[in-house]
PDB file of all heavy atoms in Angstrom:
ATOM      1  N   ASN A   1      82.241 102.125  44.019  1.00  0.00           N
ATOM      2  CA  ASN A   1      81.251 102.144  42.941  1.00  0.00           C
ATOM      3  C   ASN A   1      81.885 101.568  41.683  1.00  0.00           C
ATOM      4  O   ASN A   1      82.581 102.267  40.946  1.00  0.00           O
ATOM      5  CB  ASN A   1      80.761 103.571  42.679  1.00  0.00           C
ATOM      6  CG  ASN A   1      79.732 103.639  41.560  1.00  0.00           C
ATOM      7  OD1 ASN A   1      79.238 102.607  41.092  1.00  0.00           O
ATOM      8  ND2 ASN A   1      79.417 104.838  41.100  1.00  0.00           N
ATOM      9  N   PRO A   2      81.688 100.262  41.412  1.00  0.00           N
ATOM     10  CA  PRO A   2      82.333  99.629  40.252  1.00  0.00           C
ATOM     11  C   PRO A   2      82.003 100.293  38.920  1.00  0.00           C
ATOM     12  O   PRO A   2      82.751 100.136  37.959  1.00  0.00           O
ATOM     13  CB  PRO A   2      81.796  98.195  40.307  1.00  0.00           C
ATOM     14  CG  PRO A   2      81.433  97.961  41.731  1.00  0.00           C
ATOM     15  CD  PRO A   2      80.933  99.283  42.225  1.00  0.00           C
ATOM     16  N   ALA A   3      80.907 101.020  38.850  1.00  0.00           N
ATOM     17  CA  ALA A   3      80.511 101.659  37.598  1.00  0.00           C
ATOM     18  C   ALA A   3      81.125 103.049  37.425  1.00  0.00           C
ATOM     19  O   ALA A   3      80.879 103.717  36.414  1.00  0.00           O
ATOM     20  CB  ALA A   3      78.988 101.764  37.520  1.00  0.00           C
ATOM     21  N   PHE A   4      81.932 103.486  38.399  1.00  0.00           N
ATOM     22  CA  PHE A   4      82.467 104.849  38.342  1.00  0.00           C
ATOM     23  C   PHE A   4      83.413 105.019  37.161  1.00  0.00           C
ATOM     24  O   PHE A   4      84.272 104.181  36.892  1.00  0.00           O
ATOM     25  CB  PHE A   4      83.225 105.182  39.632  1.00  0.00           C
ATOM     26  CG  PHE A   4      84.028 106.450  39.533  1.00  0.00           C
ATOM     27  CD1 PHE A   4      83.406 107.679  39.621  1.00  0.00           C
ATOM     28  CD2 PHE A   4      85.405 106.410  39.321  1.00  0.00           C
ATOM     29  CE1 PHE A   4      84.137 108.856  39.515  1.00  0.00           C
ATOM     30  CE2 PHE A   4      86.147 107.576  39.220  1.00  0.00           C
ATOM     31  CZ  PHE A   4      85.511 108.804  39.319  1.00  0.00           C
ATOM     32  N   THR A   5      83.254 106.119  36.451  1.00  0.00           N
ATOM     33  CA  THR A   5      84.183 106.533  35.408  1.00  0.00           C
ATOM     34  C   THR A   5      84.114 108.052  35.284  1.00  0.00           C
ATOM     35  O   THR A   5      83.020 108.631  35.347  1.00  0.00           O
ATOM     36  CB  THR A   5      83.853 105.879  34.054  1.00  0.00           C
ATOM     37  OG1 THR A   5      84.652 106.484  33.029  1.00  0.00           O
ATOM     38  CG2 THR A   5      82.394 106.048  33.688  1.00  0.00           C
ATOM     39  N   PRO A   6      85.244 108.735  35.137  1.00  0.00           N
ATOM     40  CA  PRO A   6      85.208 110.195  34.993  1.00  0.00           C
ATOM     41  C   PRO A   6      84.419 110.659  33.786  1.00  0.00           C
ATOM     42  O   PRO A   6      83.918 111.796  33.763  1.00  0.00           O
ATOM     43  CB  PRO A   6      86.693 110.567  34.874  1.00  0.00           C
ATOM     44  CG  PRO A   6      87.436 109.448  35.533  1.00  0.00           C
ATOM     45  CD  PRO A   6      86.633 108.223  35.225  1.00  0.00           C
ATOM     46  N   ASN A   7      84.298 109.788  32.758  1.00  0.00           N
ATOM     47  CA  ASN A   7      83.592 110.204  31.537  1.00  0.00           C
ATOM     48  C   ASN A   7      82.142 110.572  31.797  1.00  0.00           C
ATOM     49  O   ASN A   7      81.601 111.484  31.156  1.00  0.00           O
ATOM     50  CB  ASN A   7      83.658 109.083  30.499  1.00  0.00           C
ATOM     51  CG  ASN A   7      85.080 108.695  30.151  1.00  0.00           C
ATOM     52  OD1 ASN A   7      85.605 107.726  30.665  1.00  0.00           O
ATOM     53  ND2 ASN A   7      85.732 109.471  29.304  1.00  0.00           N
ATOM     54  N   GLN A   8      81.495 109.871  32.746  1.00  0.00           N
ATOM     55  CA  GLN A   8      80.098 110.160  32.991  1.00  0.00           C
ATOM     56  C   GLN A   8      79.893 111.516  33.650  1.00  0.00           C
ATOM     57  O   GLN A   8      78.765 112.004  33.742  1.00  0.00           O
ATOM     58  CB  GLN A   8      79.481 109.059  33.853  1.00  0.00           C
ATOM     59  CG  GLN A   8      80.043 108.965  35.255  1.00  0.00           C
ATOM     60  CD  GLN A   8      79.556 107.741  36.007  1.00  0.00           C
ATOM     61  OE1 GLN A   8      80.327 106.927  36.485  1.00  0.00           O
ATOM     62  NE2 GLN A   8      78.243 107.619  36.142  1.00  0.00           N
ATOM     63  N   TYR A   9      80.996 112.136  34.097  1.00  0.00           N
ATOM     64  CA  TYR A   9      80.926 113.486  34.678  1.00  0.00           C
ATOM     65  C   TYR A   9      81.572 114.528  33.758  1.00  0.00           C
ATOM     66  O   TYR A   9      81.861 115.641  34.186  1.00  0.00           O
ATOM     67  CB  TYR A   9      81.589 113.502  36.049  1.00  0.00           C
ATOM     68  CG  TYR A   9      80.905 112.581  37.037  1.00  0.00           C
ATOM     69  CD1 TYR A   9      81.396 111.301  37.282  1.00  0.00           C
ATOM     70  CD2 TYR A   9      79.747 112.976  37.707  1.00  0.00           C
ATOM     71  CE1 TYR A   9      80.759 110.441  38.162  1.00  0.00           C
ATOM     72  CE2 TYR A   9      79.108 112.131  38.591  1.00  0.00           C
ATOM     73  CZ  TYR A   9      79.618 110.860  38.812  1.00  0.00           C
ATOM     74  OH  TYR A   9      78.986 110.011  39.695  1.00  0.00           O
ATOM     75  N   GLY A  10      81.817 114.121  32.495  1.00  0.00           N
ATOM     76  CA  GLY A  10      82.311 115.063  31.505  1.00  0.00           C
ATOM     77  C   GLY A  10      83.816 115.224  31.451  1.00  0.00           C
ATOM     78  O   GLY A  10      84.311 116.166  30.823  1.00  0.00           O
ATOM     79  N   HIS A  11      84.591 114.303  32.070  1.00  0.00           N
ATOM     80  CA  HIS A  11      86.048 114.413  32.108  1.00  0.00           C
ATOM     81  C   HIS A  11      86.684 113.255  31.348  1.00  0.00           C
ATOM     82  O   HIS A  11      86.182 112.124  31.360  1.00  0.00           O
ATOM     83  CB  HIS A  11      86.545 114.424  33.555  1.00  0.00           C
ATOM     84  CG  HIS A  11      85.980 115.531  34.377  1.00  0.00           C
ATOM     85  ND1 HIS A  11      86.504 116.811  34.393  1.00  0.00           N
ATOM     86  CD2 HIS A  11      84.901 115.557  35.210  1.00  0.00           C
ATOM     87  CE1 HIS A  11      85.789 117.568  35.205  1.00  0.00           C
ATOM     88  NE2 HIS A  11      84.810 116.838  35.716  1.00  0.00           N
ATOM     89  N   ALA A  12      87.818 113.547  30.701  1.00  0.00           N
ATOM     90  CA  ALA A  12      88.497 112.528  29.904  1.00  0.00           C
ATOM     91  C   ALA A  12      89.179 111.478  30.771  1.00  0.00           C
ATOM     92  O   ALA A  12      89.386 110.350  30.342  1.00  0.00           O
ATOM     93  CB  ALA A  12      89.524 113.186  28.987  1.00  0.00           C
ATOM     94  N   GLY A  13      89.573 111.829  31.980  1.00  0.00           N
ATOM     95  CA  GLY A  13      90.253 110.901  32.873  1.00  0.00           C
ATOM     96  C   GLY A  13      90.245 111.434  34.288  1.00  0.00           C
ATOM     97  O   GLY A  13      89.790 112.558  34.561  1.00  0.00           O
ATOM     98  N   LEU A  14      90.781 110.634  35.215  1.00  0.00           N
ATOM     99  CA  LEU A  14      90.755 111.028  36.625  1.00  0.00           C
ATOM    100  C   LEU A  14      91.618 112.249  36.887  1.00  0.00           C
ATOM    101  O   LEU A  14      91.248 113.118  37.675  1.00  0.00           O
ATOM    102  CB  LEU A  14      91.212 109.851  37.492  1.00  0.00           C
ATOM    103  CG  LEU A  14      91.150 110.073  39.012  1.00  0.00           C
ATOM    104  CD1 LEU A  14      89.728 110.426  39.456  1.00  0.00           C
ATOM    105  CD2 LEU A  14      91.645 108.834  39.761  1.00  0.00           C
ATOM    106  N   LEU A  15      92.771 112.343  36.223  1.00  0.00           N
ATOM    107  CA  LEU A  15      93.640 113.506  36.423  1.00  0.00           C
ATOM    108  C   LEU A  15      92.936 114.783  35.995  1.00  0.00           C
ATOM    109  O   LEU A  15      92.957 115.787  36.713  1.00  0.00           O
ATOM    110  CB  LEU A  15      94.941 113.313  35.643  1.00  0.00           C
ATOM    111  CG  LEU A  15      95.950 114.466  35.729  1.00  0.00           C
ATOM    112  CD1 LEU A  15      96.383 114.699  37.173  1.00  0.00           C
ATOM    113  CD2 LEU A  15      97.158 114.194  34.849  1.00  0.00           C
ATOM    114  N   GLN A  16      92.305 114.748  34.823  1.00  0.00           N
ATOM    115  CA  GLN A  16      91.582 115.933  34.354  1.00  0.00           C
ATOM    116  C   GLN A  16      90.417 116.256  35.287  1.00  0.00           C
ATOM    117  O   GLN A  16      90.106 117.436  35.523  1.00  0.00           O
ATOM    118  CB  GLN A  16      91.065 115.705  32.934  1.00  0.00           C
ATOM    119  CG  GLN A  16      92.135 115.694  31.855  1.00  0.00           C
ATOM    120  CD  GLN A  16      92.977 114.424  31.859  1.00  0.00           C
ATOM    121  OE1 GLN A  16      92.558 113.419  32.432  1.00  0.00           O
ATOM    122  NE2 GLN A  16      94.148 114.482  31.248  1.00  0.00           N
ATOM    123  N   MET A  17      89.787 115.237  35.830  1.00  0.00           N
ATOM    124  CA  MET A  17      88.675 115.457  36.741  1.00  0.00           C
ATOM    125  C   MET A  17      89.153 116.158  38.011  1.00  0.00           C
ATOM    126  O   MET A  17      88.528 117.106  38.495  1.00  0.00           O
ATOM    127  CB  MET A  17      88.035 114.116  37.087  1.00  0.00           C
ATOM    128  CG  MET A  17      86.758 114.204  37.904  1.00  0.00           C
ATOM    129  SD  MET A  17      86.061 112.563  38.193  1.00  0.00           S
ATOM    130  CE  MET A  17      84.389 112.999  38.706  1.00  0.00           C
ATOM    131  N   LEU A  18      90.286 115.706  38.560  1.00  0.00           N
ATOM    132  CA  LEU A  18      90.797 116.301  39.789  1.00  0.00           C
ATOM    133  C   LEU A  18      91.271 117.726  39.569  1.00  0.00           C
ATOM    134  O   LEU A  18      91.226 118.549  40.494  1.00  0.00           O
ATOM    135  CB  LEU A  18      91.931 115.447  40.343  1.00  0.00           C
ATOM    136  CG  LEU A  18      91.537 114.046  40.820  1.00  0.00           C
ATOM    137  CD1 LEU A  18      92.772 113.259  41.228  1.00  0.00           C
ATOM    138  CD2 LEU A  18      90.552 114.116  41.968  1.00  0.00           C
ATOM    139  N   LYS A  19      91.720 118.053  38.368  1.00  0.00           N
ATOM    140  CA  LYS A  19      92.154 119.425  38.084  1.00  0.00           C
ATOM    141  C   LYS A  19      91.002 120.417  38.184  1.00  0.00           C
ATOM    142  O   LYS A  19      91.233 121.615  38.394  1.00  0.00           O
ATOM    143  CB  LYS A  19      92.793 119.495  36.695  1.00  0.00           C
ATOM    144  CG  LYS A  19      94.178 118.866  36.626  1.00  0.00           C
ATOM    145  CD  LYS A  19      94.765 118.975  35.226  1.00  0.00           C
ATOM    146  CE  LYS A  19      96.169 118.390  35.172  1.00  0.00           C
ATOM    147  NZ  LYS A  19      96.765 118.457  33.818  1.00  0.00           N
ATOM    148  N   SER A  20      89.769 119.925  38.041  1.00  0.00           N
ATOM    149  CA  SER A  20      88.621 120.827  38.136  1.00  0.00           C
ATOM    150  C   SER A  20      88.327 121.227  39.579  1.00  0.00           C
ATOM    151  O   SER A  20      87.522 122.127  39.823  1.00  0.00           O
ATOM    152  CB  SER A  20      87.387 120.171  37.504  1.00  0.00           C
ATOM    153  OG  SER A  20      86.963 119.048  38.264  1.00  0.00           O
ATOM    154  N   TYR A  21      88.972 120.560  40.543  1.00  0.00           N
ATOM    155  CA  TYR A  21      88.810 120.914  41.960  1.00  0.00           C
ATOM    156  C   TYR A  21      89.948 121.852  42.394  1.00  0.00           C
ATOM    157  O   TYR A  21      90.550 121.660  43.444  1.00  0.00           O
ATOM    158  CB  TYR A  21      88.851 119.654  42.832  1.00  0.00           C
ATOM    159  CG  TYR A  21      87.725 118.679  42.638  1.00  0.00           C
ATOM    160  CD1 TYR A  21      87.736 117.766  41.582  1.00  0.00           C
ATOM    161  CD2 TYR A  21      86.647 118.639  43.519  1.00  0.00           C
ATOM    162  CE1 TYR A  21      86.709 116.847  41.402  1.00  0.00           C
ATOM    163  CE2 TYR A  21      85.615 117.723  43.348  1.00  0.00           C
ATOM    164  CZ  TYR A  21      85.650 116.835  42.287  1.00  0.00           C
ATOM    165  OH  TYR A  21      84.636 115.930  42.125  1.00  0.00           O
ATOM    166  N   GLU A  22      90.247 122.844  41.590  1.00  0.00           N
ATOM    167  CA  GLU A  22      91.426 123.673  41.845  1.00  0.00           C
ATOM    168  C   GLU A  22      91.374 124.411  43.178  1.00  0.00           C
ATOM    169  O   GLU A  22      92.412 124.736  43.760  1.00  0.00           O
ATOM    170  CB  GLU A  22      91.627 124.679  40.697  1.00  0.00           C
ATOM    171  CG  GLU A  22      90.554 125.760  40.565  1.00  0.00           C
ATOM    172  CD  GLU A  22      89.336 125.284  39.792  1.00  0.00           C
ATOM    173  OE1 GLU A  22      89.344 124.129  39.326  1.00  0.00           O
ATOM    174  OE2 GLU A  22      88.364 126.065  39.678  1.00  0.00           O
ATOM    175  N   GLN A  23      90.187 124.691  43.698  1.00  0.00           N
ATOM    176  CA  GLN A  23      90.078 125.401  44.974  1.00  0.00           C
ATOM    177  C   GLN A  23      90.155 124.466  46.176  1.00  0.00           C
ATOM    178  O   GLN A  23      90.401 124.925  47.293  1.00  0.00           O
ATOM    179  CB  GLN A  23      88.772 126.194  45.023  1.00  0.00           C
ATOM    180  CG  GLN A  23      88.695 127.304  43.992  1.00  0.00           C
ATOM    181  CD  GLN A  23      87.407 128.102  44.130  1.00  0.00           C
ATOM    182  OE1 GLN A  23      86.514 127.741  44.881  1.00  0.00           O
ATOM    183  NE2 GLN A  23      87.309 129.202  43.390  1.00  0.00           N
ATOM    184  N   GLN A  24      89.950 123.170  45.961  1.00  0.00           N
ATOM    185  CA  GLN A  24      89.929 122.219  47.065  1.00  0.00           C
ATOM    186  C   GLN A  24      91.144 121.293  47.096  1.00  0.00           C
ATOM    187  O   GLN A  24      91.589 120.898  48.168  1.00  0.00           O
ATOM    188  CB  GLN A  24      88.668 121.344  47.008  1.00  0.00           C
ATOM    189  CG  GLN A  24      87.380 122.136  47.138  1.00  0.00           C
ATOM    190  CD  GLN A  24      86.772 122.427  45.784  1.00  0.00           C
ATOM    191  OE1 GLN A  24      87.432 122.342  44.758  1.00  0.00           O
ATOM    192  NE2 GLN A  24      85.492 122.773  45.773  1.00  0.00           N
ATOM    193  N   LEU A  25      91.675 120.937  45.926  1.00  0.00           N
ATOM    194  CA  LEU A  25      92.715 119.919  45.851  1.00  0.00           C
ATOM    195  C   LEU A  25      93.979 120.468  45.209  1.00  0.00           C
ATOM    196  O   LEU A  25      93.937 121.371  44.375  1.00  0.00           O
ATOM    197  CB  LEU A  25      92.218 118.716  45.053  1.00  0.00           C
ATOM    198  CG  LEU A  25      90.960 118.017  45.572  1.00  0.00           C
ATOM    199  CD1 LEU A  25      90.556 116.877  44.645  1.00  0.00           C
ATOM    200  CD2 LEU A  25      91.150 117.521  46.995  1.00  0.00           C
ATOM    201  N   SER A  26      95.090 119.883  45.609  1.00  0.00           N
ATOM    202  CA  SER A  26      96.394 120.245  45.052  1.00  0.00           C
ATOM    203  C   SER A  26      97.015 119.008  44.416  1.00  0.00           C
ATOM    204  O   SER A  26      97.137 117.965  45.068  1.00  0.00           O
ATOM    205  CB  SER A  26      97.312 120.789  46.155  1.00  0.00           C
ATOM    206  OG  SER A  26      98.609 121.048  45.640  1.00  0.00           O
ATOM    207  N   LEU A  27      97.393 119.110  43.151  1.00  0.00           N
ATOM    208  CA  LEU A  27      97.996 118.009  42.415  1.00  0.00           C
ATOM    209  C   LEU A  27      99.496 118.221  42.283  1.00  0.00           C
ATOM    210  O   LEU A  27      99.969 119.344  42.108  1.00  0.00           O
ATOM    211  CB  LEU A  27      97.363 117.891  41.024  1.00  0.00           C
ATOM    212  CG  LEU A  27      95.929 117.357  40.981  1.00  0.00           C
ATOM    213  CD1 LEU A  27      95.295 117.669  39.635  1.00  0.00           C
ATOM    214  CD2 LEU A  27      95.906 115.867  41.242  1.00  0.00           C
ATOM    215  N   LYS A  28     100.239 117.113  42.347  1.00  0.00           N
ATOM    216  CA  LYS A  28     101.699 117.185  42.236  1.00  0.00           C
ATOM    217  C   LYS A  28     102.209 115.967  41.483  1.00  0.00           C
ATOM    218  O   LYS A  28     101.800 114.844  41.755  1.00  0.00           O
ATOM    219  CB  LYS A  28     102.337 117.236  43.633  1.00  0.00           C
ATOM    220  CG  LYS A  28     103.857 117.266  43.613  1.00  0.00           C
ATOM    221  CD  LYS A  28     104.423 117.254  45.016  1.00  0.00           C
ATOM    222  CE  LYS A  28     105.950 117.240  44.985  1.00  0.00           C
ATOM    223  NZ  LYS A  28     106.516 117.187  46.366  1.00  0.00           N
ATOM    224  N   GLN A  29     103.122 116.217  40.525  1.00  0.00           N
ATOM    225  CA  GLN A  29     103.740 115.108  39.804  1.00  0.00           C
ATOM    226  C   GLN A  29     104.981 114.648  40.557  1.00  0.00           C
ATOM    227  O   GLN A  29     105.888 115.437  40.837  1.00  0.00           O
ATOM    228  CB  GLN A  29     104.102 115.509  38.381  1.00  0.00           C
ATOM    229  CG  GLN A  29     104.546 114.338  37.516  1.00  0.00           C
ATOM    230  CD  GLN A  29     104.599 114.677  36.041  1.00  0.00           C
ATOM    231  OE1 GLN A  29     104.660 115.861  35.680  1.00  0.00           O
ATOM    232  NE2 GLN A  29     104.561 113.669  35.181  1.00  0.00           N
ATOM    233  N   GLU A  30     104.996 113.383  40.910  1.00  0.00           N
ATOM    234  CA  GLU A  30     106.085 112.819  41.706  1.00  0.00           C
ATOM    235  C   GLU A  30     107.296 112.509  40.824  1.00  0.00           C
ATOM    236  O   GLU A  30     107.196 112.438  39.597  1.00  0.00           O
ATOM    237  CB  GLU A  30     105.606 111.550  42.402  1.00  0.00           C
ATOM    238  CG  GLU A  30     104.407 111.756  43.320  1.00  0.00           C
ATOM    239  CD  GLU A  30     104.733 112.638  44.517  1.00  0.00           C
ATOM    240  OE1 GLU A  30     105.921 112.729  44.894  1.00  0.00           O
ATOM    241  OE2 GLU A  30     103.796 113.246  45.071  1.00  0.00           O
ATOM    242  N   PRO A  31     108.486 112.323  41.431  1.00  0.00           N
ATOM    243  CA  PRO A  31     109.698 112.011  40.653  1.00  0.00           C
ATOM    244  C   PRO A  31     109.563 110.776  39.765  1.00  0.00           C
ATOM    245  O   PRO A  31     110.206 110.674  38.729  1.00  0.00           O
ATOM    246  CB  PRO A  31     110.758 111.801  41.742  1.00  0.00           C
ATOM    247  CG  PRO A  31     110.281 112.621  42.894  1.00  0.00           C
ATOM    248  CD  PRO A  31     108.790 112.521  42.856  1.00  0.00           C
ATOM    249  N   ASN A  32     108.736 109.809  40.174  1.00  0.00           N
ATOM    250  CA  ASN A  32     108.562 108.588  39.372  1.00  0.00           C
ATOM    251  C   ASN A  32     107.609 108.789  38.202  1.00  0.00           C
ATOM    252  O   ASN A  32     107.322 107.844  37.461  1.00  0.00           O
ATOM    253  CB  ASN A  32     108.073 107.441  40.258  1.00  0.00           C
ATOM    254  CG  ASN A  32     106.721 107.721  40.899  1.00  0.00           C
ATOM    255  OD1 ASN A  32     106.112 108.778  40.651  1.00  0.00           O
ATOM    256  ND2 ASN A  32     106.245 106.811  41.712  1.00  0.00           N
TER     257      ASN A  32
END
Protein backbone atom coordinates (compact mmCIF):
# COMPACT_ATOMS: atom_id res chain seq x y z
CA ASN A 1 0.00 0.00 0.00
CA PRO A 2 2.07 2.98 -1.26
CA ALA A 3 -0.12 5.36 0.74
CA PHE A 4 0.59 3.62 4.06
CA THR A 5 1.86 5.79 6.90
CA PRO A 6 1.62 5.20 10.68
CA ASN A 7 0.36 8.78 11.10
CA GLN A 8 -3.01 7.95 9.61
CA TYR A 9 -3.48 5.45 12.46
CA GLY A 10 -2.47 7.92 15.16
CA HIS A 11 1.21 6.89 15.55
CA ALA A 12 4.31 9.04 15.16
CA GLY A 13 6.28 6.28 13.43
CA LEU A 14 6.42 2.56 12.70
CA LEU A 15 8.31 1.74 15.91
CA GLN A 16 5.72 3.51 18.04
CA MET A 17 2.97 1.79 16.09
CA LEU A 18 4.44 -1.67 16.70
CA LYS A 19 4.79 -0.95 20.43
CA SER A 20 1.00 -0.75 20.61
CA TYR A 21 0.86 -4.48 19.74
CA GLU A 22 2.39 -5.40 23.09
CA GLN A 23 0.30 -8.59 23.43
CA GLN A 24 1.07 -9.86 19.92
CA LEU A 25 4.56 -8.62 19.00
CA SER A 26 7.96 -8.51 20.63
CA LEU A 27 10.42 -5.73 19.77
CA LYS A 28 14.19 -5.96 20.20
CA GLN A 29 16.99 -3.48 19.57
CA GLU A 30 19.81 -5.17 17.69
CA PRO A 31 23.56 -4.55 18.34
CA ASN A 32 23.74 -2.37 15.20
